[in-house]
Every structure is written in structure tokens, then in C-alpha cells.
Full PDB file with SEQRES, HELIX, SHEET, SSBOND, CRYST1, ORIGX, SCALE, CONECT and MASTER records, all heavy atoms in Angstrom:
SEQRES   1 A   32  ASN ALA LYS ASN THR LEU LEU LEU GLN MET ASN ASN LEU          
SEQRES   2 A   32  LYS PRO GLU ASP THR ALA MET TYR TYR CYS ALA ALA ASP          
SEQRES   3 A   32  ARG ARG ALA TYR LEU ALA                                      
HELIX    1 AA1 PRO A   15  ASP A   17  5                                   3    
CRYST1    1.000    1.000    1.000  90.00  90.00  90.00 P 1           1          
ORIGX1      1.000000  0.000000  0.000000        0.00000                         
ORIGX2      0.000000  1.000000  0.000000        0.00000                         
ORIGX3      0.000000  0.000000  1.000000        0.00000                         
SCALE1      1.000000  0.000000  0.000000        0.00000                         
SCALE2      0.000000  1.000000  0.000000        0.00000                         
SCALE3      0.000000  0.000000  1.000000        0.00000                         
ATOM      1  N   ASN A   1      90.510   8.284 -42.152  1.00  0.00           N  
ATOM      2  CA  ASN A   1      91.108   9.488 -41.596  1.00  0.00           C  
ATOM      3  C   ASN A   1      92.293   9.146 -40.696  1.00  0.00           C  
ATOM      4  O   ASN A   1      93.320   9.831 -40.722  1.00  0.00           O  
ATOM      5  CB  ASN A   1      90.066  10.288 -40.829  1.00  0.00           C  
ATOM      6  CG  ASN A   1      90.543  11.661 -40.436  1.00  0.00           C  
ATOM      7  OD1 ASN A   1      91.294  12.299 -41.174  1.00  0.00           O  
ATOM      8  ND2 ASN A   1      90.097  12.125 -39.276  1.00  0.00           N  
ATOM      9  N   ALA A   2      92.146   8.097 -39.909  1.00  0.00           N  
ATOM     10  CA  ALA A   2      93.284   7.531 -39.195  1.00  0.00           C  
ATOM     11  C   ALA A   2      94.094   6.714 -40.189  1.00  0.00           C  
ATOM     12  O   ALA A   2      93.565   5.798 -40.815  1.00  0.00           O  
ATOM     13  CB  ALA A   2      92.822   6.667 -38.031  1.00  0.00           C  
ATOM     14  N   LYS A   3      95.359   7.036 -40.344  1.00  0.00           N  
ATOM     15  CA  LYS A   3      96.160   6.442 -41.408  1.00  0.00           C  
ATOM     16  C   LYS A   3      96.272   4.936 -41.287  1.00  0.00           C  
ATOM     17  O   LYS A   3      96.431   4.242 -42.294  1.00  0.00           O  
ATOM     18  CB  LYS A   3      97.547   7.082 -41.444  1.00  0.00           C  
ATOM     19  CG  LYS A   3      98.339   6.758 -42.694  1.00  0.00           C  
ATOM     20  CD  LYS A   3      99.593   7.595 -42.785  1.00  0.00           C  
ATOM     21  CE  LYS A   3     100.343   7.340 -44.082  1.00  0.00           C  
ATOM     22  NZ  LYS A   3     101.553   8.184 -44.185  1.00  0.00           N  
ATOM     23  N   ASN A   4      96.182   4.412 -40.082  1.00  0.00           N  
ATOM     24  CA  ASN A   4      96.288   2.981 -39.880  1.00  0.00           C  
ATOM     25  C   ASN A   4      94.953   2.262 -40.022  1.00  0.00           C  
ATOM     26  O   ASN A   4      94.841   1.095 -39.667  1.00  0.00           O  
ATOM     27  CB  ASN A   4      96.895   2.676 -38.511  1.00  0.00           C  
ATOM     28  CG  ASN A   4      98.358   3.068 -38.430  1.00  0.00           C  
ATOM     29  OD1 ASN A   4      99.057   3.133 -39.443  1.00  0.00           O  
ATOM     30  ND2 ASN A   4      98.833   3.308 -37.223  1.00  0.00           N  
ATOM     31  N   THR A   5      93.945   2.949 -40.552  1.00  0.00           N  
ATOM     32  CA  THR A   5      92.642   2.364 -40.783  1.00  0.00           C  
ATOM     33  C   THR A   5      92.443   2.104 -42.269  1.00  0.00           C  
ATOM     34  O   THR A   5      92.631   2.998 -43.091  1.00  0.00           O  
ATOM     35  CB  THR A   5      91.523   3.283 -40.268  1.00  0.00           C  
ATOM     36  OG1 THR A   5      91.666   3.474 -38.859  1.00  0.00           O  
ATOM     37  CG2 THR A   5      90.161   2.665 -40.544  1.00  0.00           C  
ATOM     38  N   LEU A   6      92.083   0.889 -42.608  1.00  0.00           N  
ATOM     39  CA  LEU A   6      91.810   0.491 -43.981  1.00  0.00           C  
ATOM     40  C   LEU A   6      90.310   0.272 -44.137  1.00  0.00           C  
ATOM     41  O   LEU A   6      89.680  -0.361 -43.288  1.00  0.00           O  
ATOM     42  CB  LEU A   6      92.565  -0.788 -44.327  1.00  0.00           C  
ATOM     43  CG  LEU A   6      92.428  -1.297 -45.762  1.00  0.00           C  
ATOM     44  CD1 LEU A   6      93.143  -0.357 -46.727  1.00  0.00           C  
ATOM     45  CD2 LEU A   6      92.973  -2.716 -45.885  1.00  0.00           C  
ATOM     46  N   LEU A   7      89.747   0.791 -45.225  1.00  0.00           N  
ATOM     47  CA  LEU A   7      88.321   0.700 -45.474  1.00  0.00           C  
ATOM     48  C   LEU A   7      88.040  -0.037 -46.775  1.00  0.00           C  
ATOM     49  O   LEU A   7      88.834  -0.001 -47.710  1.00  0.00           O  
ATOM     50  CB  LEU A   7      87.702   2.098 -45.553  1.00  0.00           C  
ATOM     51  CG  LEU A   7      87.952   3.046 -44.381  1.00  0.00           C  
ATOM     52  CD1 LEU A   7      87.360   4.406 -44.685  1.00  0.00           C  
ATOM     53  CD2 LEU A   7      87.368   2.473 -43.098  1.00  0.00           C  
ATOM     54  N   LEU A   8      86.901  -0.692 -46.832  1.00  0.00           N  
ATOM     55  CA  LEU A   8      86.402  -1.266 -48.074  1.00  0.00           C  
ATOM     56  C   LEU A   8      84.931  -0.894 -48.190  1.00  0.00           C  
ATOM     57  O   LEU A   8      84.102  -1.421 -47.448  1.00  0.00           O  
ATOM     58  CB  LEU A   8      86.576  -2.784 -48.117  1.00  0.00           C  
ATOM     59  CG  LEU A   8      86.141  -3.441 -49.433  1.00  0.00           C  
ATOM     60  CD1 LEU A   8      87.080  -3.032 -50.569  1.00  0.00           C  
ATOM     61  CD2 LEU A   8      86.083  -4.958 -49.310  1.00  0.00           C  
ATOM     62  N   GLN A   9      84.634   0.022 -49.089  1.00  0.00           N  
ATOM     63  CA  GLN A   9      83.257   0.401 -49.368  1.00  0.00           C  
ATOM     64  C   GLN A   9      82.723  -0.523 -50.453  1.00  0.00           C  
ATOM     65  O   GLN A   9      83.279  -0.589 -51.548  1.00  0.00           O  
ATOM     66  CB  GLN A   9      83.176   1.859 -49.822  1.00  0.00           C  
ATOM     67  CG  GLN A   9      81.771   2.332 -50.146  1.00  0.00           C  
ATOM     68  CD  GLN A   9      80.878   2.373 -48.922  1.00  0.00           C  
ATOM     69  OE1 GLN A   9      81.290   2.838 -47.873  1.00  0.00           O  
ATOM     70  NE2 GLN A   9      79.654   1.867 -49.059  1.00  0.00           N  
ATOM     71  N   MET A  10      81.654  -1.240 -50.149  1.00  0.00           N  
ATOM     72  CA  MET A  10      81.073  -2.210 -51.068  1.00  0.00           C  
ATOM     73  C   MET A  10      79.674  -1.740 -51.436  1.00  0.00           C  
ATOM     74  O   MET A  10      78.789  -1.676 -50.579  1.00  0.00           O  
ATOM     75  CB  MET A  10      81.029  -3.602 -50.434  1.00  0.00           C  
ATOM     76  CG  MET A  10      82.384  -4.098 -49.957  1.00  0.00           C  
ATOM     77  SD  MET A  10      82.323  -5.803 -49.344  1.00  0.00           S  
ATOM     78  CE  MET A  10      81.325  -5.570 -47.870  1.00  0.00           C  
ATOM     79  N   ASN A  11      79.477  -1.405 -52.704  1.00  0.00           N  
ATOM     80  CA  ASN A  11      78.192  -0.946 -53.206  1.00  0.00           C  
ATOM     81  C   ASN A  11      77.623  -1.936 -54.202  1.00  0.00           C  
ATOM     82  O   ASN A  11      78.353  -2.744 -54.781  1.00  0.00           O  
ATOM     83  CB  ASN A  11      78.341   0.431 -53.872  1.00  0.00           C  
ATOM     84  CG  ASN A  11      78.756   1.516 -52.913  1.00  0.00           C  
ATOM     85  OD1 ASN A  11      78.407   1.490 -51.733  1.00  0.00           O  
ATOM     86  ND2 ASN A  11      79.509   2.495 -53.422  1.00  0.00           N  
ATOM     87  N   ASN A  12      76.306  -1.845 -54.424  1.00  0.00           N  
ATOM     88  CA  ASN A  12      75.624  -2.724 -55.370  1.00  0.00           C  
ATOM     89  C   ASN A  12      75.999  -4.179 -55.138  1.00  0.00           C  
ATOM     90  O   ASN A  12      76.376  -4.903 -56.062  1.00  0.00           O  
ATOM     91  CB  ASN A  12      75.938  -2.302 -56.806  1.00  0.00           C  
ATOM     92  CG  ASN A  12      75.042  -2.979 -57.829  1.00  0.00           C  
ATOM     93  OD1 ASN A  12      73.931  -3.405 -57.517  1.00  0.00           O  
ATOM     94  ND2 ASN A  12      75.527  -3.091 -59.056  1.00  0.00           N  
ATOM     95  N   LEU A  13      75.872  -4.611 -53.900  1.00  0.00           N  
ATOM     96  CA  LEU A  13      76.266  -5.968 -53.544  1.00  0.00           C  
ATOM     97  C   LEU A  13      75.389  -7.003 -54.241  1.00  0.00           C  
ATOM     98  O   LEU A  13      74.196  -6.785 -54.459  1.00  0.00           O  
ATOM     99  CB  LEU A  13      76.211  -6.151 -52.039  1.00  0.00           C  
ATOM    100  CG  LEU A  13      77.386  -5.513 -51.288  1.00  0.00           C  
ATOM    101  CD1 LEU A  13      77.047  -5.316 -49.821  1.00  0.00           C  
ATOM    102  CD2 LEU A  13      78.637  -6.374 -51.446  1.00  0.00           C  
ATOM    103  N   LYS A  14      76.014  -8.120 -54.575  1.00  0.00           N  
ATOM    104  CA  LYS A  14      75.352  -9.221 -55.257  1.00  0.00           C  
ATOM    105  C   LYS A  14      75.458 -10.485 -54.409  1.00  0.00           C  
ATOM    106  O   LYS A  14      76.377 -10.613 -53.606  1.00  0.00           O  
ATOM    107  CB  LYS A  14      76.001  -9.463 -56.623  1.00  0.00           C  
ATOM    108  CG  LYS A  14      76.011  -8.247 -57.529  1.00  0.00           C  
ATOM    109  CD  LYS A  14      76.759  -8.529 -58.823  1.00  0.00           C  
ATOM    110  CE  LYS A  14      76.746  -7.326 -59.734  1.00  0.00           C  
ATOM    111  NZ  LYS A  14      77.460  -7.598 -61.009  1.00  0.00           N  
ATOM    112  N   PRO A  15      74.537 -11.441 -54.597  1.00  0.00           N  
ATOM    113  CA  PRO A  15      74.623 -12.680 -53.819  1.00  0.00           C  
ATOM    114  C   PRO A  15      75.980 -13.371 -53.947  1.00  0.00           C  
ATOM    115  O   PRO A  15      76.457 -13.971 -52.975  1.00  0.00           O  
ATOM    116  CB  PRO A  15      73.498 -13.539 -54.402  1.00  0.00           C  
ATOM    117  CG  PRO A  15      72.483 -12.546 -54.847  1.00  0.00           C  
ATOM    118  CD  PRO A  15      73.284 -11.386 -55.385  1.00  0.00           C  
ATOM    119  N   GLU A  16      76.617 -13.286 -55.103  1.00  0.00           N  
ATOM    120  CA  GLU A  16      77.914 -13.916 -55.288  1.00  0.00           C  
ATOM    121  C   GLU A  16      79.033 -13.235 -54.515  1.00  0.00           C  
ATOM    122  O   GLU A  16      80.157 -13.748 -54.464  1.00  0.00           O  
ATOM    123  CB  GLU A  16      78.285 -13.990 -56.781  1.00  0.00           C  
ATOM    124  CG  GLU A  16      78.171 -12.660 -57.505  1.00  0.00           C  
ATOM    125  CD  GLU A  16      76.854 -12.510 -58.244  1.00  0.00           C  
ATOM    126  OE1 GLU A  16      75.804 -12.869 -57.673  1.00  0.00           O  
ATOM    127  OE2 GLU A  16      76.873 -12.029 -59.392  1.00  0.00           O  
ATOM    128  N   ASP A  17      78.763 -12.078 -53.901  1.00  0.00           N  
ATOM    129  CA  ASP A  17      79.731 -11.440 -53.025  1.00  0.00           C  
ATOM    130  C   ASP A  17      79.745 -12.055 -51.631  1.00  0.00           C  
ATOM    131  O   ASP A  17      80.603 -11.704 -50.812  1.00  0.00           O  
ATOM    132  CB  ASP A  17      79.448  -9.939 -52.901  1.00  0.00           C  
ATOM    133  CG  ASP A  17      79.644  -9.195 -54.204  1.00  0.00           C  
ATOM    134  OD1 ASP A  17      80.619  -9.489 -54.931  1.00  0.00           O  
ATOM    135  OD2 ASP A  17      78.816  -8.305 -54.501  1.00  0.00           O  
ATOM    136  N   THR A  18      78.805 -12.935 -51.338  1.00  0.00           N  
ATOM    137  CA  THR A  18      78.746 -13.578 -50.032  1.00  0.00           C  
ATOM    138  C   THR A  18      80.040 -14.340 -49.768  1.00  0.00           C  
ATOM    139  O   THR A  18      80.456 -15.184 -50.567  1.00  0.00           O  
ATOM    140  CB  THR A  18      77.548 -14.524 -49.950  1.00  0.00           C  
ATOM    141  OG1 THR A  18      76.340 -13.772 -50.049  1.00  0.00           O  
ATOM    142  CG2 THR A  18      77.547 -15.297 -48.639  1.00  0.00           C  
ATOM    143  N   ALA A  19      80.702 -14.029 -48.654  1.00  0.00           N  
ATOM    144  CA  ALA A  19      81.991 -14.642 -48.333  1.00  0.00           C  
ATOM    145  C   ALA A  19      82.450 -14.158 -46.973  1.00  0.00           C  
ATOM    146  O   ALA A  19      81.892 -13.216 -46.394  1.00  0.00           O  
ATOM    147  CB  ALA A  19      83.043 -14.290 -49.387  1.00  0.00           C  
ATOM    148  N   MET A  20      83.480 -14.814 -46.459  1.00  0.00           N  
ATOM    149  CA  MET A  20      84.223 -14.285 -45.330  1.00  0.00           C  
ATOM    150  C   MET A  20      85.279 -13.337 -45.889  1.00  0.00           C  
ATOM    151  O   MET A  20      86.061 -13.721 -46.769  1.00  0.00           O  
ATOM    152  CB  MET A  20      84.876 -15.407 -44.528  1.00  0.00           C  
ATOM    153  CG  MET A  20      85.584 -14.938 -43.267  1.00  0.00           C  
ATOM    154  SD  MET A  20      84.436 -14.466 -41.949  1.00  0.00           S  
ATOM    155  CE  MET A  20      83.818 -16.080 -41.457  1.00  0.00           C  
ATOM    156  N   TYR A  21      85.297 -12.117 -45.397  1.00  0.00           N  
ATOM    157  CA  TYR A  21      86.233 -11.110 -45.874  1.00  0.00           C  
ATOM    158  C   TYR A  21      87.334 -10.894 -44.845  1.00  0.00           C  
ATOM    159  O   TYR A  21      87.063 -10.661 -43.667  1.00  0.00           O  
ATOM    160  CB  TYR A  21      85.513  -9.789 -46.152  1.00  0.00           C  
ATOM    161  CG  TYR A  21      84.722  -9.802 -47.437  1.00  0.00           C  
ATOM    162  CD1 TYR A  21      83.536 -10.512 -47.536  1.00  0.00           C  
ATOM    163  CD2 TYR A  21      85.171  -9.112 -48.558  1.00  0.00           C  
ATOM    164  CE1 TYR A  21      82.821 -10.544 -48.717  1.00  0.00           C  
ATOM    165  CE2 TYR A  21      84.455  -9.132 -49.744  1.00  0.00           C  
ATOM    166  CZ  TYR A  21      83.281  -9.851 -49.816  1.00  0.00           C  
ATOM    167  OH  TYR A  21      82.568  -9.874 -50.989  1.00  0.00           O  
ATOM    168  N   TYR A  22      88.580 -10.966 -45.303  1.00  0.00           N  
ATOM    169  CA  TYR A  22      89.745 -10.809 -44.449  1.00  0.00           C  
ATOM    170  C   TYR A  22      90.514  -9.547 -44.825  1.00  0.00           C  
ATOM    171  O   TYR A  22      90.780  -9.303 -46.005  1.00  0.00           O  
ATOM    172  CB  TYR A  22      90.688 -12.008 -44.584  1.00  0.00           C  
ATOM    173  CG  TYR A  22      90.084 -13.326 -44.163  1.00  0.00           C  
ATOM    174  CD1 TYR A  22      89.406 -14.120 -45.076  1.00  0.00           C  
ATOM    175  CD2 TYR A  22      90.204 -13.771 -42.852  1.00  0.00           C  
ATOM    176  CE1 TYR A  22      88.851 -15.326 -44.697  1.00  0.00           C  
ATOM    177  CE2 TYR A  22      89.654 -14.978 -42.467  1.00  0.00           C  
ATOM    178  CZ  TYR A  22      88.980 -15.754 -43.394  1.00  0.00           C  
ATOM    179  OH  TYR A  22      88.438 -16.955 -43.014  1.00  0.00           O  
ATOM    180  N   CYS A  23      90.881  -8.771 -43.831  1.00  0.00           N  
ATOM    181  CA  CYS A  23      91.816  -7.682 -44.001  1.00  0.00           C  
ATOM    182  C   CYS A  23      93.224  -8.265 -43.956  1.00  0.00           C  
ATOM    183  O   CYS A  23      93.506  -9.157 -43.153  1.00  0.00           O  
ATOM    184  CB  CYS A  23      91.624  -6.653 -42.890  1.00  0.00           C  
ATOM    185  SG  CYS A  23      92.732  -5.236 -42.952  1.00  0.00           S  
ATOM    186  N   ALA A  24      94.105  -7.788 -44.816  1.00  0.00           N  
ATOM    187  CA  ALA A  24      95.453  -8.330 -44.886  1.00  0.00           C  
ATOM    188  C   ALA A  24      96.459  -7.228 -45.188  1.00  0.00           C  
ATOM    189  O   ALA A  24      96.126  -6.211 -45.804  1.00  0.00           O  
ATOM    190  CB  ALA A  24      95.534  -9.425 -45.950  1.00  0.00           C  
ATOM    191  N   ALA A  25      97.705  -7.440 -44.759  1.00  0.00           N  
ATOM    192  CA  ALA A  25      98.762  -6.459 -44.980  1.00  0.00           C  
ATOM    193  C   ALA A  25     100.090  -7.167 -45.158  1.00  0.00           C  
ATOM    194  O   ALA A  25     100.273  -8.308 -44.734  1.00  0.00           O  
ATOM    195  CB  ALA A  25      98.843  -5.469 -43.814  1.00  0.00           C  
ATOM    196  N   ASP A  26     101.035  -6.458 -45.777  1.00  0.00           N  
ATOM    197  CA  ASP A  26     102.372  -7.003 -45.999  1.00  0.00           C  
ATOM    198  C   ASP A  26     103.380  -5.873 -45.960  1.00  0.00           C  
ATOM    199  O   ASP A  26     103.079  -4.765 -46.422  1.00  0.00           O  
ATOM    200  CB  ASP A  26     102.436  -7.745 -47.332  1.00  0.00           C  
ATOM    201  CG  ASP A  26     103.626  -8.691 -47.415  1.00  0.00           C  
ATOM    202  OD1 ASP A  26     103.593  -9.732 -46.734  1.00  0.00           O  
ATOM    203  OD2 ASP A  26     104.575  -8.392 -48.156  1.00  0.00           O  
ATOM    204  N   ARG A  27     104.584  -6.146 -45.437  1.00  0.00           N  
ATOM    205  CA  ARG A  27     105.585  -5.106 -45.282  1.00  0.00           C  
ATOM    206  C   ARG A  27     106.622  -5.086 -46.401  1.00  0.00           C  
ATOM    207  O   ARG A  27     107.468  -4.189 -46.421  1.00  0.00           O  
ATOM    208  CB  ARG A  27     106.288  -5.235 -43.927  1.00  0.00           C  
ATOM    209  CG  ARG A  27     107.098  -6.503 -43.746  1.00  0.00           C  
ATOM    210  CD  ARG A  27     107.656  -6.547 -42.319  1.00  0.00           C  
ATOM    211  NE  ARG A  27     108.547  -5.420 -42.064  1.00  0.00           N  
ATOM    212  CZ  ARG A  27     108.839  -4.951 -40.850  1.00  0.00           C  
ATOM    213  NH1 ARG A  27     108.298  -5.516 -39.785  1.00  0.00           N  
ATOM    214  NH2 ARG A  27     109.660  -3.925 -40.716  1.00  0.00           N  
ATOM    215  N   ARG A  28     106.597  -6.002 -47.308  1.00  0.00           N  
ATOM    216  CA  ARG A  28     107.568  -6.002 -48.399  1.00  0.00           C  
ATOM    217  C   ARG A  28     107.336  -4.809 -49.313  1.00  0.00           C  
ATOM    218  O   ARG A  28     106.205  -4.525 -49.713  1.00  0.00           O  
ATOM    219  CB  ARG A  28     107.507  -7.314 -49.183  1.00  0.00           C  
ATOM    220  CG  ARG A  28     108.088  -8.486 -48.419  1.00  0.00           C  
ATOM    221  CD  ARG A  28     107.853  -9.804 -49.136  1.00  0.00           C  
ATOM    222  NE  ARG A  28     106.469 -10.225 -49.043  1.00  0.00           N  
ATOM    223  CZ  ARG A  28     106.011 -11.382 -49.496  1.00  0.00           C  
ATOM    224  NH1 ARG A  28     106.841 -12.233 -50.090  1.00  0.00           N  
ATOM    225  NH2 ARG A  28     104.730 -11.685 -49.370  1.00  0.00           N  
ATOM    226  N   ALA A  29     108.430  -4.117 -49.670  1.00  0.00           N  
ATOM    227  CA  ALA A  29     108.350  -2.873 -50.417  1.00  0.00           C  
ATOM    228  C   ALA A  29     108.543  -3.052 -51.914  1.00  0.00           C  
ATOM    229  O   ALA A  29     108.438  -2.076 -52.666  1.00  0.00           O  
ATOM    230  CB  ALA A  29     109.392  -1.884 -49.888  1.00  0.00           C  
ATOM    231  N   TYR A  30     108.814  -4.269 -52.357  1.00  0.00           N  
ATOM    232  CA  TYR A  30     109.186  -4.502 -53.746  1.00  0.00           C  
ATOM    233  C   TYR A  30     108.135  -5.247 -54.562  1.00  0.00           C  
ATOM    234  O   TYR A  30     108.409  -5.666 -55.692  1.00  0.00           O  
ATOM    235  CB  TYR A  30     110.513  -5.271 -53.808  1.00  0.00           C  
ATOM    236  CG  TYR A  30     110.559  -6.503 -52.942  1.00  0.00           C  
ATOM    237  CD1 TYR A  30     110.113  -7.726 -53.409  1.00  0.00           C  
ATOM    238  CD2 TYR A  30     111.060  -6.432 -51.635  1.00  0.00           C  
ATOM    239  CE1 TYR A  30     110.155  -8.850 -52.604  1.00  0.00           C  
ATOM    240  CE2 TYR A  30     111.109  -7.554 -50.833  1.00  0.00           C  
ATOM    241  CZ  TYR A  30     110.648  -8.760 -51.321  1.00  0.00           C  
ATOM    242  OH  TYR A  30     110.693  -9.879 -50.523  1.00  0.00           O  
ATOM    243  N   LEU A  31     106.929  -5.410 -54.008  1.00  0.00           N  
ATOM    244  CA  LEU A  31     105.854  -6.093 -54.708  1.00  0.00           C  
ATOM    245  C   LEU A  31     104.727  -5.116 -54.997  1.00  0.00           C  
ATOM    246  O   LEU A  31     104.281  -4.398 -54.109  1.00  0.00           O  
ATOM    247  CB  LEU A  31     105.332  -7.270 -53.887  1.00  0.00           C  
ATOM    248  CG  LEU A  31     106.325  -8.381 -53.576  1.00  0.00           C  
ATOM    249  CD1 LEU A  31     105.695  -9.413 -52.649  1.00  0.00           C  
ATOM    250  CD2 LEU A  31     106.803  -9.035 -54.864  1.00  0.00           C  
ATOM    251  N   ALA A  32     104.251  -5.108 -56.231  1.00  0.00           N  
ATOM    252  CA  ALA A  32     103.143  -4.259 -56.626  1.00  0.00           C  
ATOM    253  C   ALA A  32     101.824  -4.899 -56.235  1.00  0.00           C  
ATOM    254  O   ALA A  32     101.748  -6.093 -55.940  1.00  0.00           O  
ATOM    255  CB  ALA A  32     103.187  -3.999 -58.127  1.00  0.00           C  
TER     256      ALA A  32                                                      
MASTER        0    0    0    1    0    0    0    6  255    1    0    3          
END                                                                             
């Protein structure tokens, strides 16, 4: 709801999803 908030909803988690998760961002406008 706050535009500067990024969410990741993770459902049906599996053991292989175990990891350190990093939020990341980039300001370049020309990369898909």
C-alpha cells in the first residue's frame, strides 16, 4: 500500500527454498 514497500508472498514453501533472501533495487530505466 505504501508505494516504497516491496513484498514477496511465498506460498507452498519447500526445503529447497531455504536461503538468505535479499531485497534489491536498481535505478536504470533501460533494463527489463
